[in-house]
Amino acid sequence: MGPPLPRSFYARDPRIVAPELLNKLIVVADGRAGRIVEVEAYCGSEDPAAHTYRGKTARNATMFGEAGHLYVYFSYGIHWCANTVCGEVGQGFGVLLRAIEPVQRLEAIQEARGLPRRAVDLGNGPGKLAQALGITGELNGADLVTVDRGVWVADDGVPPPAKPATTPRVGISKGRDHPWRWHVLGNPFVSRAPRLPRANLTP
């Protein structure tokens, strides 16, 4: 799968880290792995869409810690979502992993996802990604650099796209205009494009 990314990779602005995470591999303890094809950056106190916008809480404490850890949270009482902690301690920066293309232990991934009819539904969304890889709150705070709890982000030599697609983030109600979502253009496992405003049909 390749070596884990060093801490220096994560200890930067998430708007730099995010597009460079594209085409890296996220790997879990049982060997399931997926290539990261879609990400979003979240920027602490300057970003009203970030969990850390209003400061540190018991829920988001991991995001204020050392770069290179995994921040896992439960979304809408439905599914888990996984983020890499970025920046400096105390900033509350991170990158949401939004979609993967499964590459290893596909049968285990399919079983974890309830055997979806379409292959593209295995990891095309942050909740599906976490379910496919068995990422739950038990992995919150895991150190991706030291392969703590068997999870890491690996570099297998596939470079990020030279020109990744860049769009506003999706599924949020605040900070929607920031172009802080990146994905591998044309990859079928990308979750979805942001909804465009309707055309003005007034005569």
N, C-alpha and C. Protein backbone atom coordinates (compact mmCIF):
# COMPACT_ATOMS: atom_id res chain seq x y z
N MET A 1 0.81 -1.21 0.00
CA MET A 1 0.00 0.00 0.00
C MET A 1 0.84 1.27 0.00
N GLY A 2 2.11 1.16 0.41
CA GLY A 2 2.96 2.34 0.50
C GLY A 2 3.06 2.83 1.92
N PRO A 3 4.04 3.70 2.20
CA PRO A 3 4.26 4.19 3.56
C PRO A 3 3.20 5.22 3.96
N PRO A 4 2.98 5.38 5.27
CA PRO A 4 2.06 6.44 5.72
C PRO A 4 2.64 7.82 5.44
N LEU A 5 1.78 8.77 5.20
CA LEU A 5 2.23 10.14 4.97
C LEU A 5 2.85 10.69 6.25
N PRO A 6 3.88 11.52 6.14
CA PRO A 6 4.52 12.09 7.34
C PRO A 6 3.66 13.19 7.95
N ARG A 7 3.94 13.51 9.21
CA ARG A 7 3.15 14.52 9.89
C ARG A 7 3.27 15.89 9.20
N SER A 8 4.42 16.15 8.63
CA SER A 8 4.62 17.43 7.94
C SER A 8 3.64 17.61 6.78
N PHE A 9 3.17 16.51 6.20
CA PHE A 9 2.19 16.61 5.12
C PHE A 9 0.91 17.27 5.62
N TYR A 10 0.48 16.87 6.82
CA TYR A 10 -0.79 17.36 7.37
C TYR A 10 -0.66 18.71 8.05
N ALA A 11 0.54 19.05 8.50
CA ALA A 11 0.73 20.25 9.32
C ALA A 11 0.80 21.51 8.45
N ARG A 12 -0.20 21.65 7.59
CA ARG A 12 -0.28 22.78 6.67
C ARG A 12 -1.74 23.22 6.57
N ASP A 13 -1.97 24.29 5.85
CA ASP A 13 -3.32 24.77 5.61
C ASP A 13 -4.13 23.67 4.90
N PRO A 14 -5.35 23.39 5.37
CA PRO A 14 -6.13 22.31 4.75
C PRO A 14 -6.47 22.56 3.29
N ARG A 15 -6.44 23.82 2.86
CA ARG A 15 -6.70 24.12 1.45
C ARG A 15 -5.53 23.73 0.57
N ILE A 16 -4.38 23.50 1.18
CA ILE A 16 -3.22 22.95 0.47
C ILE A 16 -3.22 21.43 0.57
N VAL A 17 -3.50 20.94 1.79
CA VAL A 17 -3.48 19.50 2.01
C VAL A 17 -4.55 18.79 1.19
N ALA A 18 -5.75 19.35 1.15
CA ALA A 18 -6.89 18.64 0.56
C ALA A 18 -6.64 18.16 -0.87
N PRO A 19 -6.29 19.04 -1.81
CA PRO A 19 -6.08 18.54 -3.18
C PRO A 19 -4.91 17.57 -3.30
N GLU A 20 -3.94 17.66 -2.37
CA GLU A 20 -2.81 16.74 -2.41
C GLU A 20 -3.16 15.37 -1.83
N LEU A 21 -4.28 15.27 -1.11
CA LEU A 21 -4.75 13.98 -0.63
C LEU A 21 -5.40 13.15 -1.74
N LEU A 22 -5.80 13.80 -2.82
CA LEU A 22 -6.43 13.07 -3.92
C LEU A 22 -5.47 12.03 -4.48
N ASN A 23 -5.98 10.85 -4.70
CA ASN A 23 -5.25 9.67 -5.20
C ASN A 23 -4.36 9.00 -4.16
N LYS A 24 -4.36 9.50 -2.93
CA LYS A 24 -3.73 8.75 -1.85
C LYS A 24 -4.67 7.62 -1.43
N LEU A 25 -4.17 6.67 -0.65
CA LEU A 25 -4.96 5.52 -0.21
C LEU A 25 -5.25 5.63 1.29
N ILE A 26 -6.48 5.41 1.68
CA ILE A 26 -6.78 5.26 3.09
C ILE A 26 -6.95 3.77 3.35
N VAL A 27 -6.24 3.28 4.36
CA VAL A 27 -6.14 1.84 4.64
C VAL A 27 -6.55 1.61 6.09
N VAL A 28 -7.29 0.52 6.33
CA VAL A 28 -7.67 0.17 7.70
C VAL A 28 -7.07 -1.18 8.07
N ALA A 29 -7.24 -1.55 9.34
CA ALA A 29 -6.49 -2.66 9.91
C ALA A 29 -6.70 -3.99 9.21
N ASP A 30 -7.89 -4.24 8.69
CA ASP A 30 -8.16 -5.55 8.07
C ASP A 30 -7.78 -5.58 6.59
N GLY A 31 -7.13 -4.52 6.10
CA GLY A 31 -6.65 -4.51 4.72
C GLY A 31 -7.56 -3.84 3.73
N ARG A 32 -8.77 -3.47 4.15
CA ARG A 32 -9.63 -2.72 3.23
C ARG A 32 -8.96 -1.38 2.91
N ALA A 33 -9.05 -0.97 1.67
CA ALA A 33 -8.40 0.27 1.25
C ALA A 33 -9.17 0.90 0.11
N GLY A 34 -9.11 2.23 0.06
CA GLY A 34 -9.73 2.95 -1.04
C GLY A 34 -8.89 4.14 -1.44
N ARG A 35 -8.95 4.47 -2.72
CA ARG A 35 -8.23 5.64 -3.22
C ARG A 35 -9.10 6.87 -3.03
N ILE A 36 -8.56 7.87 -2.40
CA ILE A 36 -9.32 9.09 -2.10
C ILE A 36 -9.54 9.88 -3.38
N VAL A 37 -10.80 10.13 -3.72
CA VAL A 37 -11.10 10.82 -4.98
C VAL A 37 -11.87 12.12 -4.77
N GLU A 38 -12.24 12.43 -3.52
CA GLU A 38 -12.99 13.66 -3.26
C GLU A 38 -12.75 14.10 -1.81
N VAL A 39 -12.50 15.39 -1.63
CA VAL A 39 -12.18 15.94 -0.30
C VAL A 39 -12.76 17.34 -0.17
N GLU A 40 -12.88 17.79 1.08
CA GLU A 40 -13.26 19.17 1.37
C GLU A 40 -12.42 19.71 2.51
N ALA A 41 -12.04 20.98 2.42
CA ALA A 41 -11.26 21.63 3.47
C ALA A 41 -12.19 22.39 4.42
N TYR A 42 -11.84 22.36 5.72
CA TYR A 42 -12.56 23.11 6.74
C TYR A 42 -11.56 23.87 7.60
N CYS A 43 -11.86 25.15 7.84
CA CYS A 43 -10.82 26.08 8.29
C CYS A 43 -11.13 26.78 9.61
N GLY A 44 -11.54 26.04 10.60
CA GLY A 44 -11.62 26.54 11.96
C GLY A 44 -12.44 27.80 12.14
N SER A 45 -11.88 28.75 12.88
CA SER A 45 -12.62 29.94 13.28
C SER A 45 -12.93 30.89 12.12
N GLU A 46 -12.33 30.68 10.96
CA GLU A 46 -12.63 31.52 9.81
C GLU A 46 -13.69 30.89 8.90
N ASP A 47 -14.22 29.74 9.32
CA ASP A 47 -15.10 28.96 8.45
C ASP A 47 -16.38 28.58 9.21
N PRO A 48 -17.49 29.25 8.94
CA PRO A 48 -18.72 28.95 9.68
C PRO A 48 -19.27 27.55 9.45
N ALA A 49 -18.77 26.84 8.45
CA ALA A 49 -19.21 25.47 8.20
C ALA A 49 -18.40 24.45 8.99
N ALA A 50 -17.31 24.88 9.60
CA ALA A 50 -16.44 23.96 10.35
C ALA A 50 -17.04 23.64 11.72
N HIS A 51 -16.86 22.40 12.17
CA HIS A 51 -17.30 22.02 13.51
C HIS A 51 -16.58 22.83 14.59
N THR A 52 -15.42 23.36 14.25
CA THR A 52 -14.59 24.06 15.22
C THR A 52 -14.77 25.58 15.17
N TYR A 53 -15.74 26.06 14.42
CA TYR A 53 -15.93 27.50 14.21
C TYR A 53 -16.13 28.23 15.53
N ARG A 54 -16.89 27.63 16.44
CA ARG A 54 -17.23 28.31 17.71
C ARG A 54 -16.34 27.87 18.87
N GLY A 55 -15.26 27.15 18.57
CA GLY A 55 -14.32 26.79 19.62
C GLY A 55 -14.34 25.32 19.99
N LYS A 56 -13.53 25.00 20.95
CA LYS A 56 -13.29 23.61 21.33
C LYS A 56 -14.41 23.07 22.21
N THR A 57 -14.85 21.85 21.92
CA THR A 57 -15.84 21.14 22.72
C THR A 57 -15.36 19.71 22.91
N ALA A 58 -16.09 18.94 23.72
CA ALA A 58 -15.73 17.54 23.89
C ALA A 58 -15.84 16.79 22.57
N ARG A 59 -16.80 17.17 21.74
CA ARG A 59 -17.01 16.47 20.48
C ARG A 59 -15.89 16.72 19.49
N ASN A 60 -15.44 17.97 19.38
CA ASN A 60 -14.49 18.32 18.32
C ASN A 60 -13.05 18.45 18.80
N ALA A 61 -12.76 18.04 20.03
CA ALA A 61 -11.43 18.25 20.61
C ALA A 61 -10.30 17.70 19.75
N THR A 62 -10.54 16.59 19.09
CA THR A 62 -9.49 15.99 18.24
C THR A 62 -9.01 16.96 17.17
N MET A 63 -9.93 17.76 16.63
CA MET A 63 -9.59 18.69 15.56
C MET A 63 -8.61 19.77 16.02
N PHE A 64 -8.59 20.05 17.32
CA PHE A 64 -7.69 21.07 17.85
C PHE A 64 -6.33 20.50 18.24
N GLY A 65 -6.15 19.21 18.04
CA GLY A 65 -4.92 18.56 18.43
C GLY A 65 -3.87 18.53 17.33
N GLU A 66 -2.96 17.60 17.46
CA GLU A 66 -1.83 17.48 16.55
C GLU A 66 -2.27 17.06 15.15
N ALA A 67 -1.67 17.65 14.15
CA ALA A 67 -1.96 17.28 12.76
C ALA A 67 -1.63 15.81 12.52
N GLY A 68 -2.37 15.19 11.61
CA GLY A 68 -2.10 13.81 11.24
C GLY A 68 -2.94 12.80 12.00
N HIS A 69 -3.88 13.27 12.80
CA HIS A 69 -4.80 12.37 13.49
C HIS A 69 -6.12 12.31 12.72
N LEU A 70 -6.92 11.32 13.05
CA LEU A 70 -8.21 11.12 12.41
C LEU A 70 -9.30 11.68 13.32
N TYR A 71 -10.13 12.55 12.79
CA TYR A 71 -11.29 13.07 13.51
C TYR A 71 -12.52 12.41 12.92
N VAL A 72 -13.23 11.65 13.75
CA VAL A 72 -14.42 10.92 13.31
C VAL A 72 -15.61 11.42 14.11
N TYR A 73 -16.68 11.77 13.42
CA TYR A 73 -17.87 12.26 14.10
C TYR A 73 -19.12 11.60 13.50
N PHE A 74 -20.19 11.61 14.29
CA PHE A 74 -21.46 11.02 13.88
C PHE A 74 -22.32 12.13 13.29
N SER A 75 -22.78 11.96 12.07
CA SER A 75 -23.48 13.01 11.34
C SER A 75 -24.98 12.75 11.28
N TYR A 76 -25.74 13.71 11.75
CA TYR A 76 -27.21 13.65 11.69
C TYR A 76 -27.79 12.39 12.33
N GLY A 77 -27.04 11.78 13.23
CA GLY A 77 -27.53 10.57 13.87
C GLY A 77 -27.67 9.39 12.93
N ILE A 78 -26.97 9.46 11.78
CA ILE A 78 -27.15 8.44 10.74
C ILE A 78 -25.85 7.70 10.43
N HIS A 79 -24.77 8.45 10.18
CA HIS A 79 -23.53 7.80 9.75
C HIS A 79 -22.30 8.52 10.29
N TRP A 80 -21.18 7.81 10.24
CA TRP A 80 -19.90 8.37 10.65
C TRP A 80 -19.23 9.07 9.48
N CYS A 81 -18.41 10.07 9.77
CA CYS A 81 -17.62 10.76 8.76
C CYS A 81 -16.18 10.88 9.27
N ALA A 82 -15.21 10.83 8.34
CA ALA A 82 -13.80 10.82 8.71
C ALA A 82 -13.08 12.04 8.14
N ASN A 83 -12.23 12.63 8.96
CA ASN A 83 -11.46 13.81 8.58
C ASN A 83 -10.01 13.64 9.01
N THR A 84 -9.10 14.23 8.27
CA THR A 84 -7.72 14.30 8.71
C THR A 84 -7.50 15.66 9.37
N VAL A 85 -6.89 15.67 10.55
CA VAL A 85 -6.59 16.91 11.25
C VAL A 85 -5.39 17.57 10.58
N CYS A 86 -5.49 18.89 10.34
CA CYS A 86 -4.43 19.62 9.64
C CYS A 86 -4.01 20.85 10.44
N GLY A 87 -3.00 21.54 9.90
CA GLY A 87 -2.56 22.79 10.48
C GLY A 87 -1.80 22.63 11.78
N GLU A 88 -1.80 23.69 12.59
CA GLU A 88 -1.10 23.71 13.86
C GLU A 88 -2.06 23.37 15.00
N VAL A 89 -1.49 22.91 16.11
CA VAL A 89 -2.30 22.62 17.29
C VAL A 89 -3.10 23.86 17.68
N GLY A 90 -4.39 23.68 17.91
CA GLY A 90 -5.25 24.77 18.33
C GLY A 90 -6.01 25.46 17.23
N GLN A 91 -5.69 25.16 15.96
CA GLN A 91 -6.36 25.85 14.87
C GLN A 91 -7.72 25.24 14.51
N GLY A 92 -7.90 23.97 14.77
CA GLY A 92 -9.18 23.35 14.43
C GLY A 92 -9.38 23.15 12.94
N PHE A 93 -8.31 22.88 12.22
CA PHE A 93 -8.37 22.69 10.77
C PHE A 93 -8.48 21.20 10.41
N GLY A 94 -9.09 20.92 9.28
CA GLY A 94 -9.17 19.52 8.85
C GLY A 94 -9.64 19.38 7.42
N VAL A 95 -9.55 18.15 6.94
CA VAL A 95 -10.02 17.80 5.60
C VAL A 95 -10.99 16.64 5.71
N LEU A 96 -12.20 16.83 5.22
CA LEU A 96 -13.21 15.77 5.19
C LEU A 96 -12.93 14.86 4.00
N LEU A 97 -12.88 13.56 4.25
CA LEU A 97 -12.73 12.58 3.17
C LEU A 97 -14.14 12.27 2.66
N ARG A 98 -14.43 12.69 1.44
CA ARG A 98 -15.80 12.60 0.94
C ARG A 98 -16.08 11.37 0.08
N ALA A 99 -15.07 10.84 -0.58
CA ALA A 99 -15.34 9.68 -1.46
C ALA A 99 -14.06 8.91 -1.73
N ILE A 100 -14.22 7.60 -1.88
CA ILE A 100 -13.10 6.73 -2.25
C ILE A 100 -13.50 5.82 -3.40
N GLU A 101 -12.51 5.39 -4.13
CA GLU A 101 -12.66 4.29 -5.09
C GLU A 101 -12.03 3.05 -4.45
N PRO A 102 -12.84 2.04 -4.11
CA PRO A 102 -12.28 0.86 -3.43
C PRO A 102 -11.22 0.18 -4.29
N VAL A 103 -10.12 -0.24 -3.63
CA VAL A 103 -9.03 -0.87 -4.37
C VAL A 103 -8.57 -2.19 -3.77
N GLN A 104 -8.93 -2.47 -2.53
CA GLN A 104 -8.44 -3.70 -1.90
C GLN A 104 -9.50 -4.25 -0.95
N ARG A 105 -9.63 -5.61 -0.95
CA ARG A 105 -10.64 -6.33 -0.17
C ARG A 105 -12.04 -5.86 -0.54
N LEU A 106 -12.31 -5.93 -1.85
CA LEU A 106 -13.58 -5.43 -2.37
C LEU A 106 -14.78 -6.19 -1.81
N GLU A 107 -14.64 -7.50 -1.60
CA GLU A 107 -15.76 -8.27 -1.07
C GLU A 107 -16.12 -7.81 0.33
N ALA A 108 -15.11 -7.51 1.15
CA ALA A 108 -15.36 -7.02 2.50
C ALA A 108 -16.02 -5.65 2.47
N ILE A 109 -15.61 -4.82 1.52
CA ILE A 109 -16.21 -3.49 1.37
C ILE A 109 -17.66 -3.63 0.92
N GLN A 110 -17.92 -4.51 -0.03
CA GLN A 110 -19.29 -4.72 -0.50
C GLN A 110 -20.19 -5.22 0.63
N GLU A 111 -19.67 -6.14 1.43
CA GLU A 111 -20.46 -6.67 2.55
C GLU A 111 -20.75 -5.58 3.57
N ALA A 112 -19.75 -4.76 3.86
CA ALA A 112 -19.93 -3.68 4.83
C ALA A 112 -20.98 -2.68 4.36
N ARG A 113 -21.08 -2.51 3.06
CA ARG A 113 -22.03 -1.57 2.48
C ARG A 113 -23.38 -2.20 2.16
N GLY A 114 -23.58 -3.46 2.53
CA GLY A 114 -24.88 -4.08 2.28
C GLY A 114 -25.09 -4.49 0.85
N LEU A 115 -24.02 -4.80 0.14
CA LEU A 115 -24.07 -5.29 -1.24
C LEU A 115 -24.90 -4.37 -2.14
N PRO A 116 -24.47 -3.12 -2.32
CA PRO A 116 -25.21 -2.22 -3.22
C PRO A 116 -25.22 -2.73 -4.64
N ARG A 117 -26.23 -2.38 -5.38
CA ARG A 117 -26.38 -2.87 -6.76
C ARG A 117 -25.35 -2.26 -7.70
N ARG A 118 -24.94 -1.04 -7.41
CA ARG A 118 -23.97 -0.36 -8.28
C ARG A 118 -22.63 -0.24 -7.57
N ALA A 119 -21.56 -0.55 -8.28
CA ALA A 119 -20.21 -0.46 -7.69
C ALA A 119 -19.90 0.96 -7.25
N VAL A 120 -20.39 1.96 -7.99
CA VAL A 120 -20.06 3.35 -7.66
C VAL A 120 -20.67 3.78 -6.33
N ASP A 121 -21.63 3.02 -5.81
CA ASP A 121 -22.25 3.37 -4.53
C ASP A 121 -21.47 2.84 -3.33
N LEU A 122 -20.35 2.21 -3.55
CA LEU A 122 -19.58 1.65 -2.44
C LEU A 122 -18.94 2.73 -1.57
N GLY A 123 -18.49 3.82 -2.18
CA GLY A 123 -17.78 4.82 -1.40
C GLY A 123 -17.99 6.24 -1.86
N ASN A 124 -19.10 6.51 -2.55
CA ASN A 124 -19.30 7.84 -3.14
C ASN A 124 -20.07 8.78 -2.21
N GLY A 125 -19.49 9.05 -1.07
CA GLY A 125 -20.06 9.95 -0.08
C GLY A 125 -19.36 9.71 1.24
N PRO A 126 -19.30 10.72 2.12
CA PRO A 126 -18.54 10.56 3.36
C PRO A 126 -19.08 9.48 4.28
N GLY A 127 -20.40 9.33 4.36
CA GLY A 127 -20.97 8.27 5.18
C GLY A 127 -20.72 6.90 4.60
N LYS A 128 -20.84 6.78 3.29
CA LYS A 128 -20.57 5.51 2.62
C LYS A 128 -19.11 5.13 2.76
N LEU A 129 -18.23 6.11 2.66
CA LEU A 129 -16.79 5.88 2.81
C LEU A 129 -16.50 5.25 4.17
N ALA A 130 -17.02 5.87 5.22
CA ALA A 130 -16.76 5.36 6.56
C ALA A 130 -17.34 3.97 6.75
N GLN A 131 -18.55 3.75 6.25
CA GLN A 131 -19.17 2.43 6.39
C GLN A 131 -18.39 1.39 5.61
N ALA A 132 -17.94 1.73 4.41
CA ALA A 132 -17.20 0.79 3.58
C ALA A 132 -15.92 0.31 4.25
N LEU A 133 -15.28 1.21 4.99
CA LEU A 133 -14.00 0.88 5.62
C LEU A 133 -14.13 0.53 7.10
N GLY A 134 -15.35 0.55 7.63
CA GLY A 134 -15.54 0.21 9.03
C GLY A 134 -15.03 1.28 9.98
N ILE A 135 -15.04 2.54 9.52
CA ILE A 135 -14.59 3.64 10.36
C ILE A 135 -15.74 4.10 11.25
N THR A 136 -15.54 4.04 12.57
CA THR A 136 -16.54 4.48 13.54
C THR A 136 -15.87 5.38 14.57
N GLY A 137 -16.64 5.78 15.56
CA GLY A 137 -16.11 6.65 16.61
C GLY A 137 -14.95 6.05 17.37
N GLU A 138 -14.79 4.73 17.33
CA GLU A 138 -13.66 4.10 18.01
C GLU A 138 -12.32 4.52 17.42
N LEU A 139 -12.34 5.02 16.18
CA LEU A 139 -11.10 5.46 15.54
C LEU A 139 -10.87 6.97 15.69
N ASN A 140 -11.78 7.66 16.37
CA ASN A 140 -11.57 9.08 16.58
C ASN A 140 -10.28 9.30 17.37
N GLY A 141 -9.41 10.14 16.84
CA GLY A 141 -8.13 10.43 17.48
C GLY A 141 -6.99 9.53 17.06
N ALA A 142 -7.26 8.51 16.26
CA ALA A 142 -6.19 7.62 15.80
C ALA A 142 -5.11 8.41 15.05
N ASP A 143 -3.86 8.05 15.28
CA ASP A 143 -2.75 8.73 14.65
C ASP A 143 -2.45 8.07 13.31
N LEU A 144 -2.72 8.78 12.22
CA LEU A 144 -2.50 8.23 10.88
C LEU A 144 -1.02 8.08 10.56
N VAL A 145 -0.17 8.84 11.23
CA VAL A 145 1.27 8.82 10.94
C VAL A 145 1.93 7.58 11.52
N THR A 146 1.51 7.18 12.72
CA THR A 146 2.11 6.02 13.39
C THR A 146 1.31 4.74 13.17
N VAL A 147 0.27 4.83 12.35
CA VAL A 147 -0.62 3.69 12.06
C VAL A 147 -1.28 3.20 13.36
N ASP A 148 -1.59 4.14 14.22
CA ASP A 148 -2.32 3.85 15.45
C ASP A 148 -3.67 3.22 15.13
N ARG A 149 -3.99 2.15 15.79
CA ARG A 149 -5.26 1.43 15.60
C ARG A 149 -5.42 0.89 14.18
N GLY A 150 -4.30 0.78 13.47
CA GLY A 150 -4.30 0.13 12.17
C GLY A 150 -4.80 0.94 11.01
N VAL A 151 -4.96 2.23 11.17
CA VAL A 151 -5.47 3.07 10.07
C VAL A 151 -4.41 4.08 9.67
N TRP A 152 -4.25 4.27 8.37
CA TRP A 152 -3.29 5.26 7.88
C TRP A 152 -3.66 5.69 6.46
N VAL A 153 -3.04 6.79 6.02
CA VAL A 153 -3.16 7.25 4.64
C VAL A 153 -1.82 7.01 3.98
N ALA A 154 -1.84 6.24 2.89
CA ALA A 154 -0.61 5.79 2.25
C ALA A 154 -0.39 6.48 0.91
N ASP A 155 0.87 6.60 0.55
CA ASP A 155 1.27 7.09 -0.76
C ASP A 155 1.86 5.93 -1.54
N ASP A 156 1.12 5.46 -2.54
CA ASP A 156 1.61 4.33 -3.34
C ASP A 156 2.24 4.79 -4.65
N GLY A 157 2.53 6.08 -4.74
CA GLY A 157 3.22 6.60 -5.92
C GLY A 157 2.32 7.21 -6.96
N VAL A 158 1.00 7.10 -6.81
CA VAL A 158 0.08 7.73 -7.76
C VAL A 158 -0.05 9.21 -7.40
N PRO A 159 0.33 10.11 -8.28
CA PRO A 159 0.31 11.54 -7.93
C PRO A 159 -1.11 12.08 -7.91
N PRO A 160 -1.34 13.18 -7.19
CA PRO A 160 -2.64 13.84 -7.29
C PRO A 160 -2.84 14.39 -8.69
N PRO A 161 -4.07 14.60 -9.11
CA PRO A 161 -4.28 15.14 -10.46
C PRO A 161 -3.65 16.52 -10.60
N ALA A 162 -3.08 16.77 -11.75
CA ALA A 162 -2.45 18.07 -11.99
C ALA A 162 -3.47 19.20 -11.96
N LYS A 163 -4.70 18.89 -12.42
CA LYS A 163 -5.77 19.88 -12.43
C LYS A 163 -7.03 19.26 -11.83
N PRO A 164 -7.11 19.17 -10.50
CA PRO A 164 -8.32 18.60 -9.90
C PRO A 164 -9.52 19.52 -10.11
N ALA A 165 -10.69 18.95 -10.16
CA ALA A 165 -11.89 19.75 -10.23
C ALA A 165 -12.07 20.48 -8.90
N THR A 166 -12.43 21.74 -8.96
CA THR A 166 -12.59 22.57 -7.76
C THR A 166 -13.98 23.18 -7.77
N THR A 167 -14.73 22.99 -6.67
CA THR A 167 -16.10 23.49 -6.59
C THR A 167 -16.38 23.96 -5.16
N PRO A 168 -17.51 24.62 -4.95
CA PRO A 168 -17.95 24.86 -3.57
C PRO A 168 -18.26 23.53 -2.88
N ARG A 169 -18.24 23.55 -1.57
CA ARG A 169 -18.57 22.36 -0.79
C ARG A 169 -20.06 22.04 -0.88
N VAL A 170 -20.40 20.81 -0.57
CA VAL A 170 -21.80 20.39 -0.68
C VAL A 170 -22.30 19.92 0.68
N GLY A 171 -23.63 19.93 0.85
CA GLY A 171 -24.24 19.41 2.06
C GLY A 171 -24.08 20.29 3.28
N ILE A 172 -23.81 21.59 3.08
CA ILE A 172 -23.66 22.51 4.20
C ILE A 172 -24.60 23.69 3.98
N SER A 173 -24.89 24.41 5.06
CA SER A 173 -25.79 25.56 4.97
C SER A 173 -25.06 26.89 5.11
N LYS A 174 -23.80 26.85 5.59
CA LYS A 174 -23.01 28.07 5.75
C LYS A 174 -21.67 27.90 5.04
N GLY A 175 -21.11 29.02 4.62
CA GLY A 175 -19.82 28.96 3.94
C GLY A 175 -19.89 28.22 2.61
N ARG A 176 -21.04 28.29 1.95
CA ARG A 176 -21.24 27.50 0.73
C ARG A 176 -20.52 28.06 -0.48
N ASP A 177 -20.07 29.29 -0.42
CA ASP A 177 -19.45 29.91 -1.59
C ASP A 177 -17.96 29.62 -1.70
N HIS A 178 -17.34 29.14 -0.64
CA HIS A 178 -15.90 28.87 -0.71
C HIS A 178 -15.63 27.68 -1.63
N PRO A 179 -14.71 27.82 -2.58
CA PRO A 179 -14.39 26.71 -3.49
C PRO A 179 -13.39 25.74 -2.85
N TRP A 180 -13.81 25.10 -1.77
CA TRP A 180 -12.90 24.27 -0.98
C TRP A 180 -13.22 22.79 -1.09
N ARG A 181 -13.79 22.39 -2.20
CA ARG A 181 -14.03 20.97 -2.48
C ARG A 181 -13.24 20.62 -3.74
N TRP A 182 -12.50 19.52 -3.67
CA TRP A 182 -11.70 19.06 -4.81
C TRP A 182 -12.02 17.60 -5.09
N HIS A 183 -12.04 17.24 -6.36
CA HIS A 183 -12.22 15.83 -6.69
C HIS A 183 -11.50 15.49 -7.98
N VAL A 184 -11.33 14.19 -8.18
CA VAL A 184 -10.66 13.70 -9.39
C VAL A 184 -11.66 13.78 -10.54
N LEU A 185 -11.38 14.63 -11.47
CA LEU A 185 -12.30 14.88 -12.57
C LEU A 185 -12.59 13.60 -13.34
N GLY A 186 -13.87 13.31 -13.52
CA GLY A 186 -14.28 12.15 -14.31
C GLY A 186 -14.33 10.85 -13.55
N ASN A 187 -13.90 10.83 -12.29
CA ASN A 187 -13.94 9.59 -11.53
C ASN A 187 -15.39 9.27 -11.14
N PRO A 188 -15.89 8.07 -11.44
CA PRO A 188 -17.30 7.76 -11.18
C PRO A 188 -17.64 7.63 -9.71
N PHE A 189 -16.63 7.51 -8.84
CA PHE A 189 -16.89 7.33 -7.41
C PHE A 189 -17.05 8.66 -6.66
N VAL A 190 -16.89 9.78 -7.36
CA VAL A 190 -17.13 11.08 -6.75
C VAL A 190 -18.60 11.16 -6.34
N SER A 191 -18.89 11.81 -5.21
CA SER A 191 -20.25 11.78 -4.66
C SER A 191 -21.26 12.48 -5.57
N ARG A 192 -21.12 13.77 -5.74
CA ARG A 192 -22.04 14.50 -6.61
C ARG A 192 -21.51 15.90 -6.83
N ALA A 193 -21.99 16.52 -7.90
CA ALA A 193 -21.63 17.90 -8.16
C ALA A 193 -22.54 18.81 -7.35
N PRO A 194 -22.05 19.99 -6.94
CA PRO A 194 -22.92 20.91 -6.22
C PRO A 194 -24.06 21.37 -7.10
N ARG A 195 -25.20 21.59 -6.48
CA ARG A 195 -26.38 22.01 -7.22
C ARG A 195 -26.19 23.44 -7.71
N LEU A 196 -26.44 23.65 -8.99
CA LEU A 196 -26.29 24.98 -9.58
C LEU A 196 -27.55 25.80 -9.34
N PRO A 197 -27.43 27.13 -9.23
CA PRO A 197 -28.64 27.95 -9.05
C PRO A 197 -29.52 27.88 -10.29
N ARG A 198 -30.82 27.96 -10.06
CA ARG A 198 -31.74 27.93 -11.18
C ARG A 198 -31.63 29.19 -12.02
N ALA A 199 -31.83 29.02 -13.31
CA ALA A 199 -31.78 30.17 -14.20
C ALA A 199 -32.96 31.09 -13.92
N ASN A 200 -32.75 32.36 -14.08
CA ASN A 200 -33.82 33.36 -13.90
C ASN A 200 -34.70 33.35 -15.15
N LEU A 201 -35.95 32.88 -14.98
CA LEU A 201 -36.84 32.76 -16.12
C LEU A 201 -37.79 33.94 -16.24
N THR A 202 -37.59 34.99 -15.45
CA THR A 202 -38.47 36.15 -15.52
C THR A 202 -38.28 36.85 -16.84
N PRO A 203 -39.36 37.17 -17.56
CA PRO A 203 -39.23 37.84 -18.86
C PRO A 203 -38.52 39.19 -18.71
